[in-house]
Amino acid sequence: MSKLDPSRQKAINTRRIVKAEVTILFILIVEFFLYVIEWAMNKLRGKLNPHLHVLVLMISFVLLFSFAIGRIESATNWLIETGTTLGTERLGRRLGVSAMFFATLCALYVGFYFFTFGKLPFLN
């Protein structure tokens, strides 16, 4: 097995980490959308046939995950390009990509918190 030069190996490792981050984000984003759909469907509970209610949730689940799985590679490329461009100017390449990842995680946390408790997490 031939040894790759260090810069190439670093790029491969970065891509692997970013792809894992994007996969985590997509799973959380899909779950968030499903959470919102379920929240909206529960508002219609009693007005909607229970079989239709479950069917809508199942179809939403399949469509959202199908969409997410098909977009992971292009989202990975976009995140690397954008994070590298923005990060190189301010934070450094890897830190820029990670900052975008954590910012999105924080936004998702606020969204989940809001739909669970009906208020923003930093307002008591």
PDB file of N, CA and C in Angstrom:
ATOM      1  N   MET A   1       0.842  -1.179   0.000  1.00  0.00           N
ATOM      2  CA  MET A   1       0.000   0.000   0.000  1.00  0.00           C
ATOM      3  C   MET A   1       0.887   1.242   0.000  1.00  0.00           C
ATOM      4  N   SER A   2       0.615   2.130  -0.917  1.00  0.00           N
ATOM      5  CA  SER A   2       1.450   3.319  -1.017  1.00  0.00           C
ATOM      6  C   SER A   2       1.015   4.351   0.019  1.00  0.00           C
ATOM      7  N   LYS A   3       1.968   5.069   0.516  1.00  0.00           N
ATOM      8  CA  LYS A   3       1.721   6.087   1.542  1.00  0.00           C
ATOM      9  C   LYS A   3       1.369   7.398   0.841  1.00  0.00           C
ATOM     10  N   LEU A   4       0.282   8.033   1.295  1.00  0.00           N
ATOM     11  CA  LEU A   4      -0.138   9.309   0.732  1.00  0.00           C
ATOM     12  C   LEU A   4       0.641  10.437   1.383  1.00  0.00           C
ATOM     13  N   ASP A   5       0.814  11.539   0.625  1.00  0.00           N
ATOM     14  CA  ASP A   5       1.489  12.682   1.222  1.00  0.00           C
ATOM     15  C   ASP A   5       0.600  13.268   2.321  1.00  0.00           C
ATOM     16  N   PRO A   6       1.187  13.913   3.311  1.00  0.00           N
ATOM     17  CA  PRO A   6       0.438  14.384   4.491  1.00  0.00           C
ATOM     18  C   PRO A   6      -0.726  15.316   4.169  1.00  0.00           C
ATOM     19  N   SER A   7      -0.575  16.179   3.173  1.00  0.00           N
ATOM     20  CA  SER A   7      -1.664  17.109   2.857  1.00  0.00           C
ATOM     21  C   SER A   7      -2.855  16.366   2.264  1.00  0.00           C
ATOM     22  N   ARG A   8      -2.570  15.363   1.454  1.00  0.00           N
ATOM     23  CA  ARG A   8      -3.648  14.547   0.862  1.00  0.00           C
ATOM     24  C   ARG A   8      -4.353  13.735   1.945  1.00  0.00           C
ATOM     25  N   GLN A   9      -3.585  13.175   2.862  1.00  0.00           N
ATOM     26  CA  GLN A   9      -4.165  12.400   3.955  1.00  0.00           C
ATOM     27  C   GLN A   9      -5.024  13.293   4.851  1.00  0.00           C
ATOM     28  N   LYS A  10      -4.571  14.526   5.083  1.00  0.00           N
ATOM     29  CA  LYS A  10      -5.331  15.474   5.894  1.00  0.00           C
ATOM     30  C   LYS A  10      -6.661  15.805   5.212  1.00  0.00           C
ATOM     31  N   ALA A  11      -6.628  15.981   3.887  1.00  0.00           N
ATOM     32  CA  ALA A  11      -7.853  16.276   3.141  1.00  0.00           C
ATOM     33  C   ALA A  11      -8.827  15.108   3.207  1.00  0.00           C
ATOM     34  N   ILE A  12      -8.312  13.890   3.117  1.00  0.00           N
ATOM     35  CA  ILE A  12      -9.168  12.702   3.200  1.00  0.00           C
ATOM     36  C   ILE A  12      -9.804  12.606   4.587  1.00  0.00           C
ATOM     37  N   ASN A  13      -9.013  12.834   5.615  1.00  0.00           N
ATOM     38  CA  ASN A  13      -9.543  12.789   6.985  1.00  0.00           C
ATOM     39  C   ASN A  13     -10.576  13.885   7.214  1.00  0.00           C
ATOM     40  N   THR A  14     -10.314  15.084   6.692  1.00  0.00           N
ATOM     41  CA  THR A  14     -11.270  16.182   6.832  1.00  0.00           C
ATOM     42  C   THR A  14     -12.582  15.838   6.151  1.00  0.00           C
ATOM     43  N   ARG A  15     -12.501  15.299   4.937  1.00  0.00           N
ATOM     44  CA  ARG A  15     -13.713  14.912   4.211  1.00  0.00           C
ATOM     45  C   ARG A  15     -14.496  13.861   4.995  1.00  0.00           C
ATOM     46  N   ARG A  16     -13.812  12.907   5.569  1.00  0.00           N
ATOM     47  CA  ARG A  16     -14.464  11.843   6.337  1.00  0.00           C
ATOM     48  C   ARG A  16     -15.190  12.437   7.563  1.00  0.00           C
ATOM     49  N   ILE A  17     -14.527  13.347   8.250  1.00  0.00           N
ATOM     50  CA  ILE A  17     -15.130  13.976   9.427  1.00  0.00           C
ATOM     51  C   ILE A  17     -16.323  14.841   9.023  1.00  0.00           C
ATOM     52  N   VAL A  18     -16.161  15.622   7.956  1.00  0.00           N
ATOM     53  CA  VAL A  18     -17.241  16.495   7.505  1.00  0.00           C
ATOM     54  C   VAL A  18     -18.435  15.668   7.043  1.00  0.00           C
ATOM     55  N   LYS A  19     -18.191  14.551   6.379  1.00  0.00           N
ATOM     56  CA  LYS A  19     -19.299  13.701   5.935  1.00  0.00           C
ATOM     57  C   LYS A  19     -20.052  13.156   7.148  1.00  0.00           C
ATOM     58  N   ALA A  20     -19.341  12.790   8.199  1.00  0.00           N
ATOM     59  CA  ALA A  20     -20.007  12.328   9.424  1.00  0.00           C
ATOM     60  C   ALA A  20     -20.827  13.466  10.037  1.00  0.00           C
ATOM     61  N   GLU A  21     -20.267  14.675  10.057  1.00  0.00           N
ATOM     62  CA  GLU A  21     -20.988  15.827  10.590  1.00  0.00           C
ATOM     63  C   GLU A  21     -22.244  16.107   9.777  1.00  0.00           C
ATOM     64  N   VAL A  22     -22.131  16.070   8.454  1.00  0.00           N
ATOM     65  CA  VAL A  22     -23.282  16.325   7.585  1.00  0.00           C
ATOM     66  C   VAL A  22     -24.338  15.243   7.788  1.00  0.00           C
ATOM     67  N   THR A  23     -23.932  14.004   7.932  1.00  0.00           N
ATOM     68  CA  THR A  23     -24.881  12.920   8.163  1.00  0.00           C
ATOM     69  C   THR A  23     -25.632  13.144   9.472  1.00  0.00           C
ATOM     70  N   ILE A  24     -24.914  13.527  10.515  1.00  0.00           N
ATOM     71  CA  ILE A  24     -25.552  13.820  11.804  1.00  0.00           C
ATOM     72  C   ILE A  24     -26.550  14.966  11.653  1.00  0.00           C
ATOM     73  N   LEU A  25     -26.127  16.028  10.964  1.00  0.00           N
ATOM     74  CA  LEU A  25     -27.022  17.174  10.767  1.00  0.00           C
ATOM     75  C   LEU A  25     -28.271  16.779   9.990  1.00  0.00           C
ATOM     76  N   PHE A  26     -28.094  15.997   8.920  1.00  0.00           N
ATOM     77  CA  PHE A  26     -29.247  15.599   8.122  1.00  0.00           C
ATOM     78  C   PHE A  26     -30.211  14.743   8.930  1.00  0.00           C
ATOM     79  N   ILE A  27     -29.690  13.847   9.756  1.00  0.00           N
ATOM     80  CA  ILE A  27     -30.563  13.023  10.601  1.00  0.00           C
ATOM     81  C   ILE A  27     -31.341  13.924  11.564  1.00  0.00           C
ATOM     82  N   LEU A  28     -30.655  14.861  12.179  1.00  0.00           N
ATOM     83  CA  LEU A  28     -31.326  15.774  13.110  1.00  0.00           C
ATOM     84  C   LEU A  28     -32.318  16.694  12.406  1.00  0.00           C
ATOM     85  N   ILE A  29     -31.966  17.164  11.227  1.00  0.00           N
ATOM     86  CA  ILE A  29     -32.875  18.035  10.468  1.00  0.00           C
ATOM     87  C   ILE A  29     -34.130  17.265  10.059  1.00  0.00           C
ATOM     88  N   VAL A  30     -33.947  16.046   9.573  1.00  0.00           N
ATOM     89  CA  VAL A  30     -35.108  15.225   9.211  1.00  0.00           C
ATOM     90  C   VAL A  30     -35.961  14.974  10.442  1.00  0.00           C
ATOM     91  N   GLU A  31     -35.343  14.629  11.546  1.00  0.00           N
ATOM     92  CA  GLU A  31     -36.090  14.393  12.786  1.00  0.00           C
ATOM     93  C   GLU A  31     -36.816  15.659  13.224  1.00  0.00           C
ATOM     94  N   PHE A  32     -36.171  16.811  13.060  1.00  0.00           N
ATOM     95  CA  PHE A  32     -36.818  18.075  13.410  1.00  0.00           C
ATOM     96  C   PHE A  32     -38.061  18.304  12.558  1.00  0.00           C
ATOM     97  N   PHE A  33     -37.946  18.110  11.246  1.00  0.00           N
ATOM     98  CA  PHE A  33     -39.108  18.283  10.370  1.00  0.00           C
ATOM     99  C   PHE A  33     -40.207  17.291  10.710  1.00  0.00           C
ATOM    100  N   LEU A  34     -39.829  16.058  11.024  1.00  0.00           N
ATOM    101  CA  LEU A  34     -40.825  15.072  11.440  1.00  0.00           C
ATOM    102  C   LEU A  34     -41.488  15.484  12.751  1.00  0.00           C
ATOM    103  N   TYR A  35     -40.708  16.041  13.636  1.00  0.00           N
ATOM    104  CA  TYR A  35     -41.218  16.528  14.919  1.00  0.00           C
ATOM    105  C   TYR A  35     -42.256  17.624  14.684  1.00  0.00           C
ATOM    106  N   VAL A  36     -41.935  18.548  13.789  1.00  0.00           N
ATOM    107  CA  VAL A  36     -42.862  19.643  13.471  1.00  0.00           C
ATOM    108  C   VAL A  36     -44.119  19.094  12.806  1.00  0.00           C
ATOM    109  N   ILE A  37     -43.962  18.151  11.880  1.00  0.00           N
ATOM    110  CA  ILE A  37     -45.120  17.550  11.216  1.00  0.00           C
ATOM    111  C   ILE A  37     -45.993  16.828  12.233  1.00  0.00           C
ATOM    112  N   GLU A  38     -45.363  16.068  13.129  1.00  0.00           N
ATOM    113  CA  GLU A  38     -46.130  15.366  14.153  1.00  0.00           C
ATOM    114  C   GLU A  38     -46.830  16.353  15.090  1.00  0.00           C
ATOM    115  N   TRP A  39     -46.157  17.436  15.447  1.00  0.00           N
ATOM    116  CA  TRP A  39     -46.756  18.473  16.275  1.00  0.00           C
ATOM    117  C   TRP A  39     -47.998  19.051  15.581  1.00  0.00           C
ATOM    118  N   ALA A  40     -47.878  19.344  14.287  1.00  0.00           N
ATOM    119  CA  ALA A  40     -49.005  19.888  13.523  1.00  0.00           C
ATOM    120  C   ALA A  40     -50.125  18.854  13.395  1.00  0.00           C
ATOM    121  N   MET A  41     -49.746  17.600  13.180  1.00  0.00           N
ATOM    122  CA  MET A  41     -50.751  16.543  13.056  1.00  0.00           C
ATOM    123  C   MET A  41     -51.491  16.341  14.387  1.00  0.00           C
ATOM    124  N   ASN A  42     -50.788  16.469  15.494  1.00  0.00           N
ATOM    125  CA  ASN A  42     -51.437  16.317  16.800  1.00  0.00           C
ATOM    126  C   ASN A  42     -52.440  17.433  17.069  1.00  0.00           C
ATOM    127  N   LYS A  43     -52.210  18.585  16.453  1.00  0.00           N
ATOM    128  CA  LYS A  43     -53.178  19.678  16.560  1.00  0.00           C
ATOM    129  C   LYS A  43     -54.488  19.288  15.869  1.00  0.00           C
ATOM    130  N   LEU A  44     -54.394  18.387  14.871  1.00  0.00           N
ATOM    131  CA  LEU A  44     -55.571  17.936  14.135  1.00  0.00           C
ATOM    132  C   LEU A  44     -56.160  16.644  14.708  1.00  0.00           C
ATOM    133  N   ARG A  45     -55.600  16.163  15.803  1.00  0.00           N
ATOM    134  CA  ARG A  45     -56.066  14.905  16.396  1.00  0.00           C
ATOM    135  C   ARG A  45     -57.554  15.019  16.712  1.00  0.00           C
ATOM    136  N   GLY A  46     -58.283  14.002  16.334  1.00  0.00           N
ATOM    137  CA  GLY A  46     -59.728  13.998  16.536  1.00  0.00           C
ATOM    138  C   GLY A  46     -60.478  14.517  15.323  1.00  0.00           C
ATOM    139  N   LYS A  47     -59.819  15.328  14.519  1.00  0.00           N
ATOM    140  CA  LYS A  47     -60.441  15.856  13.299  1.00  0.00           C
ATOM    141  C   LYS A  47     -60.044  15.035  12.080  1.00  0.00           C
ATOM    142  N   LEU A  48     -59.023  14.211  12.242  1.00  0.00           N
ATOM    143  CA  LEU A  48     -58.457  13.453  11.135  1.00  0.00           C
ATOM    144  C   LEU A  48     -58.560  11.966  11.458  1.00  0.00           C
ATOM    145  N   ASN A  49     -58.838  11.182  10.454  1.00  0.00           N
ATOM    146  CA  ASN A  49     -58.898   9.735  10.621  1.00  0.00           C
ATOM    147  C   ASN A  49     -57.542   9.245  11.142  1.00  0.00           C
ATOM    148  N   PRO A  50     -57.520   8.410  12.202  1.00  0.00           N
ATOM    149  CA  PRO A  50     -56.246   7.939  12.764  1.00  0.00           C
ATOM    150  C   PRO A  50     -55.370   7.202  11.749  1.00  0.00           C
ATOM    151  N   HIS A  51     -55.991   6.482  10.827  1.00  0.00           N
ATOM    152  CA  HIS A  51     -55.215   5.775   9.800  1.00  0.00           C
ATOM    153  C   HIS A  51     -54.529   6.764   8.859  1.00  0.00           C
ATOM    154  N   LEU A  52     -55.230   7.819   8.498  1.00  0.00           N
ATOM    155  CA  LEU A  52     -54.653   8.854   7.645  1.00  0.00           C
ATOM    156  C   LEU A  52     -53.544   9.585   8.396  1.00  0.00           C
ATOM    157  N   HIS A  53     -53.750   9.830   9.666  1.00  0.00           N
ATOM    158  CA  HIS A  53     -52.752  10.478  10.513  1.00  0.00           C
ATOM    159  C   HIS A  53     -51.438   9.700  10.481  1.00  0.00           C
ATOM    160  N   VAL A  54     -51.507   8.394  10.734  1.00  0.00           N
ATOM    161  CA  VAL A  54     -50.314   7.541  10.734  1.00  0.00           C
ATOM    162  C   VAL A  54     -49.709   7.456   9.339  1.00  0.00           C
ATOM    163  N   LEU A  55     -50.557   7.365   8.322  1.00  0.00           N
ATOM    164  CA  LEU A  55     -50.070   7.285   6.941  1.00  0.00           C
ATOM    165  C   LEU A  55     -49.304   8.544   6.546  1.00  0.00           C
ATOM    166  N   VAL A  56     -49.797   9.708   6.926  1.00  0.00           N
ATOM    167  CA  VAL A  56     -49.098  10.963   6.624  1.00  0.00           C
ATOM    168  C   VAL A  56     -47.736  10.984   7.308  1.00  0.00           C
ATOM    169  N   LEU A  57     -47.678  10.557   8.561  1.00  0.00           N
ATOM    170  CA  LEU A  57     -46.398  10.515   9.276  1.00  0.00           C
ATOM    171  C   LEU A  57     -45.425   9.543   8.616  1.00  0.00           C
ATOM    172  N   MET A  58     -45.899   8.379   8.202  1.00  0.00           N
ATOM    173  CA  MET A  58     -45.026   7.384   7.553  1.00  0.00           C
ATOM    174  C   MET A  58     -44.500   7.897   6.221  1.00  0.00           C
ATOM    175  N   ILE A  59     -45.378   8.502   5.421  1.00  0.00           N
ATOM    176  CA  ILE A  59     -44.966   9.027   4.117  1.00  0.00           C
ATOM    177  C   ILE A  59     -43.970  10.168   4.307  1.00  0.00           C
ATOM    178  N   SER A  60     -44.222  11.019   5.293  1.00  0.00           N
ATOM    179  CA  SER A  60     -43.296  12.124   5.583  1.00  0.00           C
ATOM    180  C   SER A  60     -41.917  11.584   5.941  1.00  0.00           C
ATOM    181  N   PHE A  61     -41.880  10.569   6.766  1.00  0.00           N
ATOM    182  CA  PHE A  61     -40.628   9.948   7.189  1.00  0.00           C
ATOM    183  C   PHE A  61     -39.840   9.434   5.991  1.00  0.00           C
ATOM    184  N   VAL A  62     -40.499   8.682   5.122  1.00  0.00           N
ATOM    185  CA  VAL A  62     -39.822   8.111   3.947  1.00  0.00           C
ATOM    186  C   VAL A  62     -39.342   9.206   3.001  1.00  0.00           C
ATOM    187  N   LEU A  63     -40.193  10.174   2.721  1.00  0.00           N
ATOM    188  CA  LEU A  63     -39.807  11.242   1.787  1.00  0.00           C
ATOM    189  C   LEU A  63     -38.655  12.080   2.320  1.00  0.00           C
ATOM    190  N   LEU A  64     -38.709  12.447   3.586  1.00  0.00           N
ATOM    191  CA  LEU A  64     -37.647  13.273   4.151  1.00  0.00           C
ATOM    192  C   LEU A  64     -36.315  12.527   4.214  1.00  0.00           C
ATOM    193  N   PHE A  65     -36.333  11.260   4.632  1.00  0.00           N
ATOM    194  CA  PHE A  65     -35.075  10.514   4.674  1.00  0.00           C
ATOM    195  C   PHE A  65     -34.546  10.224   3.280  1.00  0.00           C
ATOM    196  N   SER A  66     -35.430   9.958   2.329  1.00  0.00           N
ATOM    197  CA  SER A  66     -34.985   9.743   0.945  1.00  0.00           C
ATOM    198  C   SER A  66     -34.300  10.983   0.402  1.00  0.00           C
ATOM    199  N   PHE A  67     -34.899  12.121   0.660  1.00  0.00           N
ATOM    200  CA  PHE A  67     -34.310  13.384   0.228  1.00  0.00           C
ATOM    201  C   PHE A  67     -32.947  13.588   0.888  1.00  0.00           C
ATOM    202  N   ALA A  68     -32.873  13.356   2.190  1.00  0.00           N
ATOM    203  CA  ALA A  68     -31.630  13.586   2.934  1.00  0.00           C
ATOM    204  C   ALA A  68     -30.521  12.666   2.456  1.00  0.00           C
ATOM    205  N   ILE A  69     -30.812  11.399   2.296  1.00  0.00           N
ATOM    206  CA  ILE A  69     -29.795  10.437   1.883  1.00  0.00           C
ATOM    207  C   ILE A  69     -29.248  10.791   0.504  1.00  0.00           C
ATOM    208  N   GLY A  70     -30.114  11.269  -0.375  1.00  0.00           N
ATOM    209  CA  GLY A  70     -29.676  11.647  -1.714  1.00  0.00           C
ATOM    210  C   GLY A  70     -28.840  12.913  -1.757  1.00  0.00           C
ATOM    211  N   ARG A  71     -28.882  13.700  -0.696  1.00  0.00           N
ATOM    212  CA  ARG A  71     -28.191  14.987  -0.692  1.00  0.00           C
ATOM    213  C   ARG A  71     -26.949  15.036   0.189  1.00  0.00           C
ATOM    214  N   ILE A  72     -26.625  13.978   0.872  1.00  0.00           N
ATOM    215  CA  ILE A  72     -25.508  14.015   1.824  1.00  0.00           C
ATOM    216  C   ILE A  72     -24.186  14.353   1.132  1.00  0.00           C
ATOM    217  N   GLU A  73     -23.902  13.747   0.003  1.00  0.00           N
ATOM    218  CA  GLU A  73     -22.623  13.992  -0.683  1.00  0.00           C
ATOM    219  C   GLU A  73     -22.518  15.428  -1.180  1.00  0.00           C
ATOM    220  N   SER A  74     -23.589  15.940  -1.790  1.00  0.00           N
ATOM    221  CA  SER A  74     -23.524  17.324  -2.284  1.00  0.00           C
ATOM    222  C   SER A  74     -23.466  18.313  -1.119  1.00  0.00           C
ATOM    223  N   ALA A  75     -24.146  18.012  -0.028  1.00  0.00           N
ATOM    224  CA  ALA A  75     -24.079  18.882   1.151  1.00  0.00           C
ATOM    225  C   ALA A  75     -22.685  18.846   1.768  1.00  0.00           C
ATOM    226  N   THR A  76     -22.050  17.681   1.755  1.00  0.00           N
ATOM    227  CA  THR A  76     -20.685  17.569   2.257  1.00  0.00           C
ATOM    228  C   THR A  76     -19.756  18.453   1.447  1.00  0.00           C
ATOM    229  N   ASN A  77     -19.867  18.366   0.124  1.00  0.00           N
ATOM    230  CA  ASN A  77     -19.024  19.195  -0.754  1.00  0.00           C
ATOM    231  C   ASN A  77     -19.282  20.677  -0.514  1.00  0.00           C
ATOM    232  N   TRP A  78     -20.557  21.055  -0.391  1.00  0.00           N
ATOM    233  CA  TRP A  78     -20.895  22.456  -0.161  1.00  0.00           C
ATOM    234  C   TRP A  78     -20.327  22.928   1.166  1.00  0.00           C
ATOM    235  N   LEU A  79     -20.481  22.128   2.218  1.00  0.00           N
ATOM    236  CA  LEU A  79     -19.994  22.519   3.530  1.00  0.00           C
ATOM    237  C   LEU A  79     -18.481  22.669   3.539  1.00  0.00           C
ATOM    238  N   ILE A  80     -17.788  21.776   2.846  1.00  0.00           N
ATOM    239  CA  ILE A  80     -16.327  21.874   2.770  1.00  0.00           C
ATOM    240  C   ILE A  80     -15.915  23.135   2.027  1.00  0.00           C
ATOM    241  N   GLU A  81     -16.553  23.395   0.879  1.00  0.00           N
ATOM    242  CA  GLU A  81     -16.199  24.580   0.095  1.00  0.00           C
ATOM    243  C   GLU A  81     -16.519  25.871   0.851  1.00  0.00           C
ATOM    244  N   THR A  82     -17.716  25.955   1.379  1.00  0.00           N
ATOM    245  CA  THR A  82     -18.126  27.159   2.089  1.00  0.00           C
ATOM    246  C   THR A  82     -17.337  27.350   3.375  1.00  0.00           C
ATOM    247  N   GLY A  83     -17.213  26.270   4.127  1.00  0.00           N
ATOM    248  CA  GLY A  83     -16.464  26.343   5.387  1.00  0.00           C
ATOM    249  C   GLY A  83     -15.010  26.666   5.170  1.00  0.00           C
ATOM    250  N   THR A  84     -14.441  26.124   4.092  1.00  0.00           N
ATOM    251  CA  THR A  84     -13.046  26.399   3.787  1.00  0.00           C
ATOM    252  C   THR A  84     -12.871  27.858   3.387  1.00  0.00           C
ATOM    253  N   THR A  85     -13.771  28.364   2.554  1.00  0.00           N
ATOM    254  CA  THR A  85     -13.687  29.759   2.112  1.00  0.00           C
ATOM    255  C   THR A  85     -13.855  30.711   3.289  1.00  0.00           C
ATOM    256  N   LEU A  86     -14.922  30.525   4.053  1.00  0.00           N
ATOM    257  CA  LEU A  86     -15.166  31.411   5.186  1.00  0.00           C
ATOM    258  C   LEU A  86     -14.149  31.184   6.297  1.00  0.00           C
ATOM    259  N   GLY A  87     -13.830  29.930   6.533  1.00  0.00           N
ATOM    260  CA  GLY A  87     -12.928  29.594   7.627  1.00  0.00           C
ATOM    261  C   GLY A  87     -11.507  30.038   7.398  1.00  0.00           C
ATOM    262  N   THR A  88     -11.034  29.958   6.163  1.00  0.00           N
ATOM    263  CA  THR A  88      -9.670  30.358   5.863  1.00  0.00           C
ATOM    264  C   THR A  88      -9.489  31.843   6.132  1.00  0.00           C
ATOM    265  N   GLU A  89     -10.538  32.617   5.842  1.00  0.00           N
ATOM    266  CA  GLU A  89     -10.457  34.058   6.060  1.00  0.00           C
ATOM    267  C   GLU A  89     -10.450  34.405   7.541  1.00  0.00           C
ATOM    268  N   ARG A  90     -11.178  33.630   8.371  1.00  0.00           N
ATOM    269  CA  ARG A  90     -11.354  34.031   9.770  1.00  0.00           C
ATOM    270  C   ARG A  90     -10.794  33.045  10.786  1.00  0.00           C
ATOM    271  N   LEU A  91     -11.054  31.760  10.603  1.00  0.00           N
ATOM    272  CA  LEU A  91     -10.767  30.801  11.656  1.00  0.00           C
ATOM    273  C   LEU A  91      -9.744  29.723  11.301  1.00  0.00           C
ATOM    274  N   GLY A  92      -9.565  29.485  10.040  1.00  0.00           N
ATOM    275  CA  GLY A  92      -8.780  28.335   9.621  1.00  0.00           C
ATOM    276  C   GLY A  92      -9.707  27.309   8.995  1.00  0.00           C
ATOM    277  N   ARG A  93      -9.196  26.494   8.113  1.00  0.00           N
ATOM    278  CA  ARG A  93     -10.015  25.607   7.294  1.00  0.00           C
ATOM    279  C   ARG A  93     -10.899  24.668   8.117  1.00  0.00           C
ATOM    280  N   ARG A  94     -10.318  23.864   8.946  1.00  0.00           N
ATOM    281  CA  ARG A  94     -11.071  22.855   9.691  1.00  0.00           C
ATOM    282  C   ARG A  94     -11.986  23.504  10.725  1.00  0.00           C
ATOM    283  N   LEU A  95     -11.513  24.534  11.367  1.00  0.00           N
ATOM    284  CA  LEU A  95     -12.310  25.222  12.373  1.00  0.00           C
ATOM    285  C   LEU A  95     -13.522  25.904  11.742  1.00  0.00           C
ATOM    286  N   GLY A  96     -13.374  26.399  10.526  1.00  0.00           N
ATOM    287  CA  GLY A  96     -14.498  27.027   9.824  1.00  0.00           C
ATOM    288  C   GLY A  96     -15.615  26.045   9.554  1.00  0.00           C
ATOM    289  N   VAL A  97     -15.263  24.848   9.115  1.00  0.00           N
ATOM    290  CA  VAL A  97     -16.260  23.815   8.849  1.00  0.00           C
ATOM    291  C   VAL A  97     -16.921  23.395  10.162  1.00  0.00           C
ATOM    292  N   SER A  98     -16.142  23.209  11.196  1.00  0.00           N
ATOM    293  CA  SER A  98     -16.690  22.806  12.490  1.00  0.00           C
ATOM    294  C   SER A  98     -17.587  23.890  13.081  1.00  0.00           C
ATOM    295  N   ALA A  99     -17.230  25.149  12.891  1.00  0.00           N
ATOM    296  CA  ALA A  99     -18.051  26.250  13.402  1.00  0.00           C
ATOM    297  C   ALA A  99     -19.427  26.239  12.744  1.00  0.00           C
ATOM    298  N   MET A 100     -19.476  25.974  11.446  1.00  0.00           N
ATOM    299  CA  MET A 100     -20.765  25.886  10.756  1.00  0.00           C
ATOM    300  C   MET A 100     -21.584  24.718  11.298  1.00  0.00           C
ATOM    301  N   PHE A 101     -20.912  23.600  11.548  1.00  0.00           N
ATOM    302  CA  PHE A 101     -21.572  22.413  12.085  1.00  0.00           C
ATOM    303  C   PHE A 101     -22.184  22.724  13.449  1.00  0.00           C
ATOM    304  N   PHE A 102     -21.416  23.326  14.347  1.00  0.00           N
ATOM    305  CA  PHE A 102     -21.912  23.619  15.688  1.00  0.00           C
ATOM    306  C   PHE A 102     -22.980  24.710  15.690  1.00  0.00           C
ATOM    307  N   ALA A 103     -22.884  25.661  14.782  1.00  0.00           N
ATOM    308  CA  ALA A 103     -23.918  26.699  14.684  1.00  0.00           C
ATOM    309  C   ALA A 103     -25.249  26.065  14.269  1.00  0.00           C
ATOM    310  N   THR A 104     -25.197  25.143  13.326  1.00  0.00           N
ATOM    311  CA  THR A 104     -26.417  24.460  12.892  1.00  0.00           C
ATOM    312  C   THR A 104     -26.968  23.587  14.014  1.00  0.00           C
ATOM    313  N   LEU A 105     -26.091  22.919  14.754  1.00  0.00           N
ATOM    314  CA  LEU A 105     -26.536  22.113  15.902  1.00  0.00           C
ATOM    315  C   LEU A 105     -27.248  22.986  16.931  1.00  0.00           C
ATOM    316  N   CYS A 106     -26.701  24.155  17.192  1.00  0.00           N
ATOM    317  CA  CYS A 106     -27.318  25.073  18.153  1.00  0.00           C
ATOM    318  C   CYS A 106     -28.695  25.524  17.667  1.00  0.00           C
ATOM    319  N   ALA A 107     -28.813  25.848  16.396  1.00  0.00           N
ATOM    320  CA  ALA A 107     -30.098  26.258  15.835  1.00  0.00           C
ATOM    321  C   ALA A 107     -31.121  25.123  15.942  1.00  0.00           C
ATOM    322  N   LEU A 108     -30.698  23.898  15.665  1.00  0.00           N
ATOM    323  CA  LEU A 108     -31.597  22.757  15.799  1.00  0.00           C
ATOM    324  C   LEU A 108     -32.018  22.552  17.252  1.00  0.00           C
ATOM    325  N   TYR A 109     -31.089  22.734  18.173  1.00  0.00           N
ATOM    326  CA  TYR A 109     -31.411  22.603  19.595  1.00  0.00           C
ATOM    327  C   TYR A 109     -32.505  23.597  19.985  1.00  0.00           C
ATOM    328  N   VAL A 110     -32.349  24.838  19.559  1.00  0.00           N
ATOM    329  CA  VAL A 110     -33.345  25.862  19.871  1.00  0.00           C
ATOM    330  C   VAL A 110     -34.700  25.472  19.269  1.00  0.00           C
ATOM    331  N   GLY A 111     -34.689  24.969  18.038  1.00  0.00           N
ATOM    332  CA  GLY A 111     -35.938  24.545  17.406  1.00  0.00           C
ATOM    333  C   GLY A 111     -36.609  23.392  18.137  1.00  0.00           C
ATOM    334  N   PHE A 112     -35.842  22.370  18.483  1.00  0.00           N
ATOM    335  CA  PHE A 112     -36.398  21.243  19.233  1.00  0.00           C
ATOM    336  C   PHE A 112     -36.949  21.715  20.578  1.00  0.00           C
ATOM    337  N   TYR A 113     -36.196  22.554  21.263  1.00  0.00           N
ATOM    338  CA  TYR A 113     -36.611  23.051  22.568  1.00  0.00           C
ATOM    339  C   TYR A 113     -37.926  23.818  22.447  1.00  0.00           C
ATOM    340  N   PHE A 114     -38.008  24.665  21.426  1.00  0.00           N
ATOM    341  CA  PHE A 114     -39.207  25.468  21.236  1.00  0.00           C
ATOM    342  C   PHE A 114     -40.430  24.587  20.991  1.00  0.00           C
ATOM    343  N   PHE A 115     -40.298  23.593  20.105  1.00  0.00           N
ATOM    344  CA  PHE A 115     -41.451  22.754  19.800  1.00  0.00           C
ATOM    345  C   PHE A 115     -41.777  21.774  20.928  1.00  0.00           C
ATOM    346  N   THR A 116     -40.850  21.531  21.817  1.00  0.00           N
ATOM    347  CA  THR A 116     -41.121  20.660  22.949  1.00  0.00           C
ATOM    348  C   THR A 116     -41.752  21.421  24.109  1.00  0.00           C
ATOM    349  N   PHE A 117     -41.206  22.600  24.441  1.00  0.00           N
ATOM    350  CA  PHE A 117     -41.653  23.329  25.622  1.00  0.00           C
ATOM    351  C   PHE A 117     -42.425  24.614  25.309  1.00  0.00           C
ATOM    352  N   GLY A 118     -42.500  25.008  24.040  1.00  0.00           N
ATOM    353  CA  GLY A 118     -43.284  26.187  23.666  1.00  0.00           C
ATOM    354  C   GLY A 118     -42.628  27.512  23.991  1.00  0.00           C
ATOM    355  N   LYS A 119     -41.334  27.481  24.289  1.00  0.00           N
ATOM    356  CA  LYS A 119     -40.604  28.729  24.562  1.00  0.00           C
ATOM    357  C   LYS A 119     -39.151  28.527  24.143  1.00  0.00           C
ATOM    358  N   LEU A 120     -38.447  29.635  24.038  1.00  0.00           N
ATOM    359  CA  LEU A 120     -37.032  29.559  23.678  1.00  0.00           C
ATOM    360  C   LEU A 120     -36.205  29.137  24.892  1.00  0.00           C
ATOM    361  N   PRO A 121     -35.112  28.392  24.690  1.00  0.00           N
ATOM    362  CA  PRO A 121     -34.374  27.838  25.815  1.00  0.00           C
ATOM    363  C   PRO A 121     -33.715  28.868  26.718  1.00  0.00           C
ATOM    364  N   PHE A 122     -33.423  30.024  26.211  1.00  0.00           N
ATOM    365  CA  PHE A 122     -32.712  31.018  27.013  1.00  0.00           C
ATOM    366  C   PHE A 122     -33.665  32.007  27.685  1.00  0.00           C
ATOM    367  N   LEU A 123     -34.964  31.810  27.518  1.00  0.00           N
ATOM    368  CA  LEU A 123     -35.968  32.668  28.177  1.00  0.00           C
ATOM    369  C   LEU A 123     -36.736  31.816  29.177  1.00  0.00           C
ATOM    370  N   ASN A 124     -36.650  32.126  30.425  1.00  0.00           N
ATOM    371  CA  ASN A 124     -37.362  31.349  31.453  1.00  0.00           C
ATOM    372  C   ASN A 124     -38.596  32.044  31.906  1.00  0.00           C
TER     373      ASN A 124
END
